[in-house]
Amino acid sequence: MAQPININSRRGVEDLDPFNKAPPGWSLTQPKGKWNWDKPPTHTSPADAVDSIIDKLEEPEVEESMVKLMFSGISIQDIVNTIAIAGFSEGRFTPDVAEIIKAPVASYLLGVATDFNLPVKMFNSSDGLHPEDQSLNDTMMLDIMEERNPDMHKFLMEQAESTEDMVEEESEPVSQGFLAIEMDESMPEGIEEPIQQDSEEVV
């Protein structure tokens, strides 16, 4: 097999062979334990891994770096992912342990941010909040229902329209109170309207 390309070579990009790369499974032909992640991990227990990470984060220089990162806008999610990937690459724990320790490490960093009154971002999003659920929403459900179950869709639309009409009727302001209604419109036929007397004539 051809030797890997020397990245310091002065050859042009057009001279690079796109097929001159390690084929799948090439790492399995290398001596066992050549890479740190290919050796037995330092920490097999998630609790031990978390304790080791927190001990490192409590060092003054490291804590100061974490505070600066969070203050600059780096989310806790990004920091935790970096710690997990670095720990696996260095052979300190396995990938499954790396996933398990993310929550407790994030909780610790959130506590550090609270101690320093930092406006921290929890997730890697524009507002720092958890990304919205991309599951089936009401609009998508109604579109599918209109195509697959038109009778139910028609029934729901009719119910929605009747509800809107009732709400509109209830929300219409009353132009006149019941005391302002003329007596001749409200009284039955054959009953004369009572004569109103001035307050001065009443003894």
Protein backbone atom coordinates (compact mmCIF):
# COMPACT_ATOMS: atom_id res chain seq x y z
CA MET A 1 0.00 0.00 0.00
CA ALA A 2 1.22 3.49 -0.82
CA GLN A 3 2.61 5.58 1.99
CA PRO A 4 0.33 8.34 3.38
CA ILE A 5 0.73 11.70 1.73
CA ASN A 6 3.13 14.11 3.39
CA ILE A 7 1.09 17.21 4.17
CA ASN A 8 4.28 19.29 4.13
CA SER A 9 4.92 18.40 0.52
CA ARG A 10 5.01 21.30 -1.94
CA ARG A 11 3.05 19.43 -4.57
CA GLY A 12 -0.06 21.14 -5.87
CA VAL A 13 -3.60 20.09 -5.01
CA GLU A 14 -4.06 18.71 -8.52
CA ASP A 15 -1.25 16.21 -7.85
CA LEU A 16 -3.00 14.64 -4.86
CA ASP A 17 -4.44 11.18 -5.42
CA PRO A 18 -7.98 10.97 -3.93
CA PHE A 19 -7.53 7.19 -3.56
CA ASN A 20 -4.29 7.50 -1.58
CA LYS A 21 -5.91 7.09 1.83
CA ALA A 22 -6.27 4.38 4.40
CA PRO A 23 -8.97 1.85 3.44
CA PRO A 24 -11.68 0.84 5.90
CA GLY A 25 -10.32 -1.50 8.55
CA TRP A 26 -6.75 -0.26 8.21
CA SER A 27 -6.60 0.55 11.95
CA LEU A 28 -7.31 -3.10 12.75
CA THR A 29 -4.04 -4.06 11.08
CA GLN A 30 -2.02 -1.83 13.40
CA PRO A 31 -0.43 -3.02 16.66
CA LYS A 32 -2.85 -3.28 19.57
CA GLY A 33 -2.76 -0.27 21.87
CA LYS A 34 -1.12 2.10 19.41
CA TRP A 35 -3.69 4.82 20.21
CA ASN A 36 -4.75 6.00 23.63
CA TRP A 37 -8.39 5.15 22.99
CA ASP A 38 -7.34 1.65 21.95
CA LYS A 39 -6.03 0.91 25.45
CA PRO A 40 -7.97 -0.01 28.60
CA PRO A 41 -9.58 3.20 29.93
CA THR A 42 -8.28 4.92 33.03
CA HIS A 43 -11.80 5.27 34.48
CA THR A 44 -14.36 2.53 33.94
CA SER A 45 -16.91 4.01 36.35
CA PRO A 46 -18.85 7.17 35.40
CA ALA A 47 -18.60 8.37 39.01
CA ASP A 48 -14.81 8.09 38.94
CA ALA A 49 -14.69 9.89 35.61
CA VAL A 50 -16.87 12.74 36.91
CA ASP A 51 -14.75 13.09 40.05
CA SER A 52 -11.60 13.25 37.94
CA ILE A 53 -13.05 15.92 35.65
CA ILE A 54 -14.36 18.04 38.52
CA ASP A 55 -10.98 17.84 40.27
CA LYS A 56 -9.44 19.22 37.08
CA LEU A 57 -12.10 21.93 36.70
CA GLU A 58 -11.57 23.08 40.28
CA GLU A 59 -7.99 24.08 39.53
CA PRO A 60 -7.83 27.92 39.54
CA GLU A 61 -6.42 28.24 36.03
CA VAL A 62 -8.88 25.79 34.52
CA GLU A 63 -11.82 27.34 36.37
CA GLU A 64 -10.81 30.78 35.11
CA SER A 65 -10.71 29.45 31.55
CA MET A 66 -14.17 27.90 31.92
CA VAL A 67 -15.56 31.17 33.31
CA LYS A 68 -14.09 33.13 30.40
CA LEU A 69 -15.52 30.66 27.87
CA MET A 70 -19.01 30.84 29.36
CA PHE A 71 -18.82 34.62 29.68
CA SER A 72 -17.81 34.94 26.02
CA GLY A 73 -20.95 33.06 24.96
CA ILE A 74 -19.72 29.49 24.60
CA SER A 75 -22.56 27.21 25.66
CA ILE A 76 -22.22 24.61 28.39
CA GLN A 77 -23.25 22.00 25.84
CA ASP A 78 -20.18 22.81 23.70
CA ILE A 79 -17.84 22.71 26.69
CA VAL A 80 -19.20 19.39 27.91
CA ASN A 81 -18.98 17.82 24.44
CA THR A 82 -15.37 18.96 24.15
CA ILE A 83 -14.51 17.48 27.55
CA ALA A 84 -16.17 14.18 26.64
CA ILE A 85 -14.42 13.86 23.27
CA ALA A 86 -11.05 14.84 24.72
CA GLY A 87 -11.41 12.34 27.56
CA PHE A 88 -12.20 9.52 25.15
CA SER A 89 -9.34 10.48 22.79
CA GLU A 90 -6.91 10.46 25.69
CA GLY A 91 -8.09 7.02 26.78
CA ARG A 92 -9.50 8.14 30.12
CA PHE A 93 -12.94 6.59 29.56
CA THR A 94 -15.02 4.77 26.96
CA PRO A 95 -17.61 6.39 24.66
CA ASP A 96 -20.57 5.17 26.74
CA VAL A 97 -19.06 6.64 29.91
CA ALA A 98 -18.42 9.86 27.98
CA GLU A 99 -22.14 10.14 27.25
CA ILE A 100 -23.21 9.31 30.82
CA ILE A 101 -21.02 11.96 32.44
CA LYS A 102 -22.30 14.84 30.31
CA ALA A 103 -25.25 15.65 32.58
CA PRO A 104 -23.35 15.84 35.90
CA VAL A 105 -20.49 17.82 34.33
CA ALA A 106 -23.01 20.25 32.83
CA SER A 107 -24.66 20.64 36.25
CA TYR A 108 -21.28 21.45 37.79
CA LEU A 109 -20.52 24.09 35.14
CA LEU A 110 -23.96 25.58 35.63
CA GLY A 111 -23.18 25.88 39.34
CA VAL A 112 -19.90 27.66 38.53
CA ALA A 113 -21.77 30.08 36.27
CA THR A 114 -24.26 30.75 39.08
CA ASP A 115 -21.45 31.47 41.54
CA PHE A 116 -20.01 34.09 39.17
CA ASN A 117 -23.45 35.45 38.13
CA LEU A 118 -22.79 34.69 34.48
CA PRO A 119 -25.55 34.97 31.84
CA VAL A 120 -24.70 31.48 30.66
CA LYS A 121 -26.05 29.70 27.58
CA MET A 122 -27.08 26.15 28.32
CA PHE A 123 -27.46 24.81 24.78
CA ASN A 124 -25.77 25.50 21.47
CA SER A 125 -28.58 27.59 19.99
CA SER A 126 -29.14 31.25 19.16
CA ASP A 127 -30.97 31.93 22.44
CA GLY A 128 -29.26 29.28 24.56
CA LEU A 129 -32.49 27.38 25.07
CA HIS A 130 -33.22 23.79 24.12
CA PRO A 131 -34.02 23.42 20.41
CA GLU A 132 -37.68 23.12 19.63
CA ASP A 133 -39.11 19.69 19.09
CA GLN A 134 -39.19 18.85 15.39
CA SER A 135 -41.94 16.28 15.77
CA LEU A 136 -45.32 16.32 14.03
CA ASN A 137 -47.07 19.64 14.73
CA ASP A 138 -50.78 20.50 14.42
CA THR A 139 -50.46 22.00 10.95
CA MET A 140 -48.72 18.93 9.56
CA MET A 141 -51.28 16.68 11.26
CA LEU A 142 -54.21 18.57 9.69
CA ASP A 143 -52.60 18.41 6.25
CA ILE A 144 -52.18 14.66 6.53
CA MET A 145 -55.71 14.28 7.91
CA GLU A 146 -57.16 16.26 5.00
CA GLU A 147 -55.60 13.78 2.59
CA ARG A 148 -56.00 10.51 4.48
CA ASN A 149 -59.10 11.12 6.60
CA PRO A 150 -61.16 13.86 4.89
CA ASP A 151 -64.36 13.15 6.88
CA MET A 152 -62.66 13.75 10.21
CA HIS A 153 -60.89 16.81 8.81
CA LYS A 154 -64.22 18.26 7.64
CA PHE A 155 -65.80 17.58 11.03
CA LEU A 156 -62.97 19.29 12.90
CA MET A 157 -63.05 22.31 10.61
CA GLU A 158 -66.82 22.69 11.11
CA GLN A 159 -66.39 22.45 14.87
CA ALA A 160 -63.63 25.05 14.80
CA GLU A 161 -65.76 27.45 12.72
CA SER A 162 -68.78 27.10 15.03
CA THR A 163 -66.57 27.73 18.06
CA GLU A 164 -65.14 30.86 16.44
CA ASP A 165 -68.64 32.13 15.67
CA MET A 166 -69.72 31.63 19.29
CA VAL A 167 -66.68 33.45 20.56
CA GLU A 168 -67.30 36.36 18.20
CA GLU A 169 -70.95 36.64 19.31
CA GLU A 170 -69.97 36.62 22.97
CA SER A 171 -67.27 39.21 22.42
CA GLU A 172 -69.56 41.74 20.66
CA PRO A 173 -70.02 44.79 22.94
CA VAL A 174 -73.55 45.64 24.04
CA SER A 175 -74.47 49.04 22.65
CA GLN A 176 -77.15 49.71 25.24
CA GLY A 177 -77.85 48.37 28.68
CA PHE A 178 -81.14 46.70 29.54
CA LEU A 179 -82.23 49.83 31.41
CA ALA A 180 -81.85 51.90 28.26
CA ILE A 181 -84.28 49.78 26.22
CA GLU A 182 -87.49 51.62 25.47
CA MET A 183 -90.45 50.37 27.45
CA ASP A 184 -92.78 50.09 24.47
CA GLU A 185 -90.38 47.63 22.80
CA SER A 186 -90.09 45.35 25.81
CA MET A 187 -93.63 45.43 27.28
CA PRO A 188 -96.40 43.13 25.95
CA GLU A 189 -99.29 44.56 23.96
CA GLY A 190 -102.26 45.82 25.91
CA ILE A 191 -100.23 47.08 28.83
CA GLU A 192 -99.91 50.80 29.03
CA GLU A 193 -96.61 52.37 29.89
CA PRO A 194 -96.61 53.65 33.45
CA ILE A 195 -96.73 57.40 33.86
CA GLN A 196 -93.52 58.78 35.24
CA GLN A 197 -93.94 61.45 37.91
CA ASP A 198 -91.54 64.19 38.61
CA SER A 199 -89.62 63.78 41.79
CA GLU A 200 -90.96 67.19 42.97
CA GLU A 201 -94.60 65.97 43.02
CA VAL A 202 -93.83 62.94 45.14
CA VAL A 203 -94.56 63.68 48.78
